[in-house]
Amino acid sequence: MEIQTKVNGYWIKYETIINNSYKYDAATFIYDFYYYGNPGTEYRTYVEFYVEDDGGSETKIVTSLPVTAK
């Protein structure tokens, strides 16, 4: 999971919140945090999910709606 910020129209990594965190045999993974950023800067979260079983694997990327820090 990472925080991204928009620079020149492109989303770039600003800070990594969780790196290589694995939860085996779980349907739900909850992680709660607050991030206060720089006022006027636009941020979003980027999360990459990876699942694997005997039938193969799949990766899904999810981003939040952007918000502007106050």
PDB file of N, CA and C in Angstrom:
ATOM      1  N   MET A   1       0.855  -1.164   0.000  1.00  0.00           N
ATOM      2  CA  MET A   1       0.000   0.000   0.000  1.00  0.00           C
ATOM      3  C   MET A   1       0.895   1.218   0.000  1.00  0.00           C
ATOM      4  N   GLU A   2       0.542   2.160  -0.830  1.00  0.00           N
ATOM      5  CA  GLU A   2       1.336   3.380  -0.867  1.00  0.00           C
ATOM      6  C   GLU A   2       0.447   4.599  -1.034  1.00  0.00           C
ATOM      7  N   ILE A   3       0.980   5.730  -0.633  1.00  0.00           N
ATOM      8  CA  ILE A   3       0.346   7.025  -0.865  1.00  0.00           C
ATOM      9  C   ILE A   3       0.969   7.576  -2.136  1.00  0.00           C
ATOM     10  N   GLN A   4       0.117   8.048  -3.034  1.00  0.00           N
ATOM     11  CA  GLN A   4       0.601   8.663  -4.275  1.00  0.00           C
ATOM     12  C   GLN A   4       0.173  10.125  -4.310  1.00  0.00           C
ATOM     13  N   THR A   5       0.953  10.932  -5.006  1.00  0.00           N
ATOM     14  CA  THR A   5       0.613  12.333  -5.220  1.00  0.00           C
ATOM     15  C   THR A   5       0.742  12.632  -6.711  1.00  0.00           C
ATOM     16  N   LYS A   6      -0.007  13.613  -7.164  1.00  0.00           N
ATOM     17  CA  LYS A   6       0.009  13.936  -8.588  1.00  0.00           C
ATOM     18  C   LYS A   6       1.045  15.025  -8.867  1.00  0.00           C
ATOM     19  N   VAL A   7       1.950  14.727  -9.806  1.00  0.00           N
ATOM     20  CA  VAL A   7       2.993  15.667 -10.221  1.00  0.00           C
ATOM     21  C   VAL A   7       2.939  15.776 -11.738  1.00  0.00           C
ATOM     22  N   ASN A   8       2.745  16.994 -12.236  1.00  0.00           N
ATOM     23  CA  ASN A   8       2.667  17.242 -13.683  1.00  0.00           C
ATOM     24  C   ASN A   8       1.662  16.323 -14.373  1.00  0.00           C
ATOM     25  N   GLY A   9       0.533  16.050 -13.699  1.00  0.00           N
ATOM     26  CA  GLY A   9      -0.527  15.242 -14.289  1.00  0.00           C
ATOM     27  C   GLY A   9      -0.369  13.733 -14.142  1.00  0.00           C
ATOM     28  N   TYR A  10       0.704  13.281 -13.478  1.00  0.00           N
ATOM     29  CA  TYR A  10       0.968  11.849 -13.298  1.00  0.00           C
ATOM     30  C   TYR A  10       0.993  11.498 -11.815  1.00  0.00           C
ATOM     31  N   TRP A  11       0.433  10.337 -11.476  1.00  0.00           N
ATOM     32  CA  TRP A  11       0.474   9.854 -10.102  1.00  0.00           C
ATOM     33  C   TRP A  11       1.812   9.163  -9.864  1.00  0.00           C
ATOM     34  N   ILE A  12       2.505   9.587  -8.795  1.00  0.00           N
ATOM     35  CA  ILE A  12       3.792   8.987  -8.443  1.00  0.00           C
ATOM     36  C   ILE A  12       3.762   8.565  -6.969  1.00  0.00           C
ATOM     37  N   LYS A  13       4.589   7.585  -6.621  1.00  0.00           N
ATOM     38  CA  LYS A  13       4.678   7.136  -5.230  1.00  0.00           C
ATOM     39  C   LYS A  13       5.248   8.248  -4.364  1.00  0.00           C
ATOM     40  N   TYR A  14       4.558   8.515  -3.263  1.00  0.00           N
ATOM     41  CA  TYR A  14       5.002   9.526  -2.314  1.00  0.00           C
ATOM     42  C   TYR A  14       5.560   8.869  -1.055  1.00  0.00           C
ATOM     43  N   GLU A  15       4.858   7.831  -0.572  1.00  0.00           N
ATOM     44  CA  GLU A  15       5.315   7.130   0.630  1.00  0.00           C
ATOM     45  C   GLU A  15       4.714   5.725   0.657  1.00  0.00           C
ATOM     46  N   THR A  16       5.512   4.739   1.051  1.00  0.00           N
ATOM     47  CA  THR A  16       5.035   3.370   1.214  1.00  0.00           C
ATOM     48  C   THR A  16       4.537   3.200   2.641  1.00  0.00           C
ATOM     49  N   ILE A  17       3.297   2.706   2.784  1.00  0.00           N
ATOM     50  CA  ILE A  17       2.699   2.499   4.105  1.00  0.00           C
ATOM     51  C   ILE A  17       2.900   1.054   4.551  1.00  0.00           C
ATOM     52  N   ILE A  18       2.615   0.102   3.662  1.00  0.00           N
ATOM     53  CA  ILE A  18       2.814  -1.324   3.952  1.00  0.00           C
ATOM     54  C   ILE A  18       3.587  -1.905   2.776  1.00  0.00           C
ATOM     55  N   ASN A  19       4.582  -2.721   3.064  1.00  0.00           N
ATOM     56  CA  ASN A  19       5.362  -3.352   2.007  1.00  0.00           C
ATOM     57  C   ASN A  19       5.457  -4.852   2.284  1.00  0.00           C
ATOM     58  N   ASN A  20       5.045  -5.652   1.339  1.00  0.00           N
ATOM     59  CA  ASN A  20       5.141  -7.118   1.448  1.00  0.00           C
ATOM     60  C   ASN A  20       4.451  -7.666   2.694  1.00  0.00           C
ATOM     61  N   SER A  21       3.207  -7.275   2.907  1.00  0.00           N
ATOM     62  CA  SER A  21       2.423  -7.808   4.017  1.00  0.00           C
ATOM     63  C   SER A  21       1.513  -8.902   3.465  1.00  0.00           C
ATOM     64  N   TYR A  22       1.620 -10.088   4.029  1.00  0.00           N
ATOM     65  CA  TYR A  22       0.870 -11.236   3.515  1.00  0.00           C
ATOM     66  C   TYR A  22      -0.109 -11.748   4.553  1.00  0.00           C
ATOM     67  N   LYS A  23      -1.283 -12.120   4.103  1.00  0.00           N
ATOM     68  CA  LYS A  23      -2.294 -12.735   4.961  1.00  0.00           C
ATOM     69  C   LYS A  23      -2.748 -13.999   4.238  1.00  0.00           C
ATOM     70  N   TYR A  24      -2.485 -15.152   4.822  1.00  0.00           N
ATOM     71  CA  TYR A  24      -2.790 -16.427   4.184  1.00  0.00           C
ATOM     72  C   TYR A  24      -4.171 -16.922   4.599  1.00  0.00           C
ATOM     73  N   ASP A  25      -4.883 -17.509   3.628  1.00  0.00           N
ATOM     74  CA  ASP A  25      -6.195 -18.117   3.869  1.00  0.00           C
ATOM     75  C   ASP A  25      -7.165 -17.149   4.526  1.00  0.00           C
ATOM     76  N   ALA A  26      -7.185 -15.910   4.078  1.00  0.00           N
ATOM     77  CA  ALA A  26      -8.083 -14.909   4.649  1.00  0.00           C
ATOM     78  C   ALA A  26      -8.913 -14.265   3.546  1.00  0.00           C
ATOM     79  N   ALA A  27     -10.178 -14.031   3.853  1.00  0.00           N
ATOM     80  CA  ALA A  27     -11.057 -13.352   2.900  1.00  0.00           C
ATOM     81  C   ALA A  27     -11.020 -11.842   3.105  1.00  0.00           C
ATOM     82  N   THR A  28     -10.583 -11.398   4.281  1.00  0.00           N
ATOM     83  CA  THR A  28     -10.593  -9.976   4.608  1.00  0.00           C
ATOM     84  C   THR A  28      -9.262  -9.567   5.231  1.00  0.00           C
ATOM     85  N   PHE A  29      -8.781  -8.399   4.834  1.00  0.00           N
ATOM     86  CA  PHE A  29      -7.585  -7.818   5.423  1.00  0.00           C
ATOM     87  C   PHE A  29      -7.899  -6.347   5.674  1.00  0.00           C
ATOM     88  N   ILE A  30      -7.861  -5.920   6.913  1.00  0.00           N
ATOM     89  CA  ILE A  30      -8.203  -4.541   7.259  1.00  0.00           C
ATOM     90  C   ILE A  30      -6.964  -3.847   7.807  1.00  0.00           C
ATOM     91  N   TYR A  31      -6.688  -2.666   7.269  1.00  0.00           N
ATOM     92  CA  TYR A  31      -5.576  -1.850   7.761  1.00  0.00           C
ATOM     93  C   TYR A  31      -6.078  -0.418   7.840  1.00  0.00           C
ATOM     94  N   ASP A  32      -6.016   0.180   8.990  1.00  0.00           N
ATOM     95  CA  ASP A  32      -6.559   1.506   9.222  1.00  0.00           C
ATOM     96  C   ASP A  32      -5.418   2.469   9.546  1.00  0.00           C
ATOM     97  N   PHE A  33      -5.378   3.601   8.865  1.00  0.00           N
ATOM     98  CA  PHE A  33      -4.356   4.604   9.169  1.00  0.00           C
ATOM     99  C   PHE A  33      -4.857   5.983   8.770  1.00  0.00           C
ATOM    100  N   TYR A  34      -4.237   7.006   9.330  1.00  0.00           N
ATOM    101  CA  TYR A  34      -4.544   8.398   8.999  1.00  0.00           C
ATOM    102  C   TYR A  34      -3.285   9.016   8.416  1.00  0.00           C
ATOM    103  N   TYR A  35      -3.488   9.816   7.370  1.00  0.00           N
ATOM    104  CA  TYR A  35      -2.350  10.465   6.719  1.00  0.00           C
ATOM    105  C   TYR A  35      -2.713  11.921   6.516  1.00  0.00           C
ATOM    106  N   TYR A  36      -1.887  12.823   6.979  1.00  0.00           N
ATOM    107  CA  TYR A  36      -2.249  14.241   6.980  1.00  0.00           C
ATOM    108  C   TYR A  36      -1.539  15.082   5.923  1.00  0.00           C
ATOM    109  N   GLY A  37      -0.645  14.651   5.143  1.00  0.00           N
ATOM    110  CA  GLY A  37      -0.067  15.341   3.997  1.00  0.00           C
ATOM    111  C   GLY A  37       0.110  16.848   4.094  1.00  0.00           C
ATOM    112  N   ASN A  38       0.506  17.431   2.996  1.00  0.00           N
ATOM    113  CA  ASN A  38       0.739  18.874   2.908  1.00  0.00           C
ATOM    114  C   ASN A  38      -0.517  19.566   2.382  1.00  0.00           C
ATOM    115  N   PRO A  39      -0.970  20.650   3.042  1.00  0.00           N
ATOM    116  CA  PRO A  39      -2.180  21.345   2.591  1.00  0.00           C
ATOM    117  C   PRO A  39      -2.097  21.741   1.119  1.00  0.00           C
ATOM    118  N   GLY A  40      -3.213  21.491   0.414  1.00  0.00           N
ATOM    119  CA  GLY A  40      -3.298  21.840  -1.003  1.00  0.00           C
ATOM    120  C   GLY A  40      -2.774  20.773  -1.947  1.00  0.00           C
ATOM    121  N   THR A  41      -2.165  19.711  -1.406  1.00  0.00           N
ATOM    122  CA  THR A  41      -1.609  18.640  -2.231  1.00  0.00           C
ATOM    123  C   THR A  41      -2.641  17.529  -2.415  1.00  0.00           C
ATOM    124  N   GLU A  42      -2.748  17.015  -3.614  1.00  0.00           N
ATOM    125  CA  GLU A  42      -3.695  15.951  -3.919  1.00  0.00           C
ATOM    126  C   GLU A  42      -3.037  14.586  -3.716  1.00  0.00           C
ATOM    127  N   TYR A  43      -3.743  13.688  -3.017  1.00  0.00           N
ATOM    128  CA  TYR A  43      -3.233  12.360  -2.700  1.00  0.00           C
ATOM    129  C   TYR A  43      -4.264  11.289  -3.038  1.00  0.00           C
ATOM    130  N   ARG A  44      -3.786  10.069  -3.203  1.00  0.00           N
ATOM    131  CA  ARG A  44      -4.650   8.899  -3.294  1.00  0.00           C
ATOM    132  C   ARG A  44      -3.871   7.698  -2.754  1.00  0.00           C
ATOM    133  N   THR A  45      -4.594   6.617  -2.446  1.00  0.00           N
ATOM    134  CA  THR A  45      -3.926   5.386  -2.039  1.00  0.00           C
ATOM    135  C   THR A  45      -3.881   4.424  -3.222  1.00  0.00           C
ATOM    136  N   TYR A  46      -2.864   3.608  -3.243  1.00  0.00           N
ATOM    137  CA  TYR A  46      -2.646   2.596  -4.284  1.00  0.00           C
ATOM    138  C   TYR A  46      -2.375   1.285  -3.550  1.00  0.00           C
ATOM    139  N   VAL A  47      -3.182   0.267  -3.842  1.00  0.00           N
ATOM    140  CA  VAL A  47      -3.020  -1.033  -3.189  1.00  0.00           C
ATOM    141  C   VAL A  47      -2.965  -2.108  -4.265  1.00  0.00           C
ATOM    142  N   GLU A  48      -2.018  -3.011  -4.130  1.00  0.00           N
ATOM    143  CA  GLU A  48      -1.883  -4.131  -5.065  1.00  0.00           C
ATOM    144  C   GLU A  48      -2.187  -5.425  -4.311  1.00  0.00           C
ATOM    145  N   PHE A  49      -3.197  -6.160  -4.797  1.00  0.00           N
ATOM    146  CA  PHE A  49      -3.602  -7.428  -4.200  1.00  0.00           C
ATOM    147  C   PHE A  49      -3.111  -8.575  -5.070  1.00  0.00           C
ATOM    148  N   TYR A  50      -2.635  -9.626  -4.439  1.00  0.00           N
ATOM    149  CA  TYR A  50      -2.177 -10.806  -5.156  1.00  0.00           C
ATOM    150  C   TYR A  50      -2.813 -12.029  -4.514  1.00  0.00           C
ATOM    151  N   VAL A  51      -3.447 -12.860  -5.331  1.00  0.00           N
ATOM    152  CA  VAL A  51      -4.040 -14.112  -4.834  1.00  0.00           C
ATOM    153  C   VAL A  51      -3.521 -15.270  -5.664  1.00  0.00           C
ATOM    154  N   GLU A  52      -3.414 -16.427  -5.010  1.00  0.00           N
ATOM    155  CA  GLU A  52      -2.882 -17.602  -5.686  1.00  0.00           C
ATOM    156  C   GLU A  52      -3.526 -18.846  -5.098  1.00  0.00           C
ATOM    157  N   ASP A  53      -3.838 -19.802  -5.976  1.00  0.00           N
ATOM    158  CA  ASP A  53      -4.279 -21.124  -5.545  1.00  0.00           C
ATOM    159  C   ASP A  53      -3.829 -22.135  -6.587  1.00  0.00           C
ATOM    160  N   ASP A  54      -4.310 -23.363  -6.481  1.00  0.00           N
ATOM    161  CA  ASP A  54      -3.872 -24.406  -7.416  1.00  0.00           C
ATOM    162  C   ASP A  54      -4.238 -24.093  -8.862  1.00  0.00           C
ATOM    163  N   GLY A  55      -5.255 -23.256  -9.056  1.00  0.00           N
ATOM    164  CA  GLY A  55      -5.703 -22.918 -10.402  1.00  0.00           C
ATOM    165  C   GLY A  55      -4.948 -21.772 -11.043  1.00  0.00           C
ATOM    166  N   GLY A  56      -4.058 -21.123 -10.315  1.00  0.00           N
ATOM    167  CA  GLY A  56      -3.292 -20.017 -10.882  1.00  0.00           C
ATOM    168  C   GLY A  56      -3.216 -18.848  -9.918  1.00  0.00           C
ATOM    169  N   SER A  57      -2.948 -17.683 -10.473  1.00  0.00           N
ATOM    170  CA  SER A  57      -2.795 -16.488  -9.648  1.00  0.00           C
ATOM    171  C   SER A  57      -3.385 -15.281 -10.372  1.00  0.00           C
ATOM    172  N   GLU A  58      -3.583 -14.228  -9.594  1.00  0.00           N
ATOM    173  CA  GLU A  58      -4.149 -13.001 -10.150  1.00  0.00           C
ATOM    174  C   GLU A  58      -3.671 -11.816  -9.320  1.00  0.00           C
ATOM    175  N   THR A  59      -3.414 -10.708  -9.984  1.00  0.00           N
ATOM    176  CA  THR A  59      -3.046  -9.464  -9.318  1.00  0.00           C
ATOM    177  C   THR A  59      -4.084  -8.418  -9.658  1.00  0.00           C
ATOM    178  N   LYS A  60      -4.527  -7.675  -8.648  1.00  0.00           N
ATOM    179  CA  LYS A  60      -5.489  -6.602  -8.860  1.00  0.00           C
ATOM    180  C   LYS A  60      -4.959  -5.352  -8.186  1.00  0.00           C
ATOM    181  N   ILE A  61      -5.028  -4.241  -8.903  1.00  0.00           N
ATOM    182  CA  ILE A  61      -4.594  -2.953  -8.385  1.00  0.00           C
ATOM    183  C   ILE A  61      -5.833  -2.084  -8.143  1.00  0.00           C
ATOM    184  N   VAL A  62      -5.901  -1.482  -6.958  1.00  0.00           N
ATOM    185  CA  VAL A  62      -7.028  -0.639  -6.598  1.00  0.00           C
ATOM    186  C   VAL A  62      -6.484   0.712  -6.131  1.00  0.00           C
ATOM    187  N   THR A  63      -7.085   1.790  -6.616  1.00  0.00           N
ATOM    188  CA  THR A  63      -6.721   3.131  -6.154  1.00  0.00           C
ATOM    189  C   THR A  63      -7.965   3.793  -5.570  1.00  0.00           C
ATOM    190  N   SER A  64      -7.751   4.653  -4.580  1.00  0.00           N
ATOM    191  CA  SER A  64      -8.856   5.392  -3.994  1.00  0.00           C
ATOM    192  C   SER A  64      -9.156   6.632  -4.851  1.00  0.00           C
ATOM    193  N   LEU A  65     -10.271   7.251  -4.559  1.00  0.00           N
ATOM    194  CA  LEU A  65     -10.547   8.539  -5.167  1.00  0.00           C
ATOM    195  C   LEU A  65      -9.560   9.552  -4.586  1.00  0.00           C
ATOM    196  N   PRO A  66      -9.060  10.480  -5.389  1.00  0.00           N
ATOM    197  CA  PRO A  66      -8.105  11.458  -4.871  1.00  0.00           C
ATOM    198  C   PRO A  66      -8.756  12.447  -3.902  1.00  0.00           C
ATOM    199  N   VAL A  67      -7.973  12.880  -2.920  1.00  0.00           N
ATOM    200  CA  VAL A  67      -8.409  13.927  -1.980  1.00  0.00           C
ATOM    201  C   VAL A  67      -7.308  14.968  -1.866  1.00  0.00           C
ATOM    202  N   THR A  68      -7.711  16.189  -1.547  1.00  0.00           N
ATOM    203  CA  THR A  68      -6.757  17.278  -1.365  1.00  0.00           C
ATOM    204  C   THR A  68      -6.606  17.550   0.125  1.00  0.00           C
ATOM    205  N   ALA A  69      -5.380  17.534   0.624  1.00  0.00           N
ATOM    206  CA  ALA A  69      -5.113  17.786   2.047  1.00  0.00           C
ATOM    207  C   ALA A  69      -5.494  19.221   2.399  1.00  0.00           C
ATOM    208  N   LYS A  70      -6.058  19.370   3.604  1.00  0.00           N
ATOM    209  CA  LYS A  70      -6.463  20.709   4.080  1.00  0.00           C
ATOM    210  C   LYS A  70      -5.532  21.203   5.156  1.00  0.00           C
TER     211      LYS A  70
END
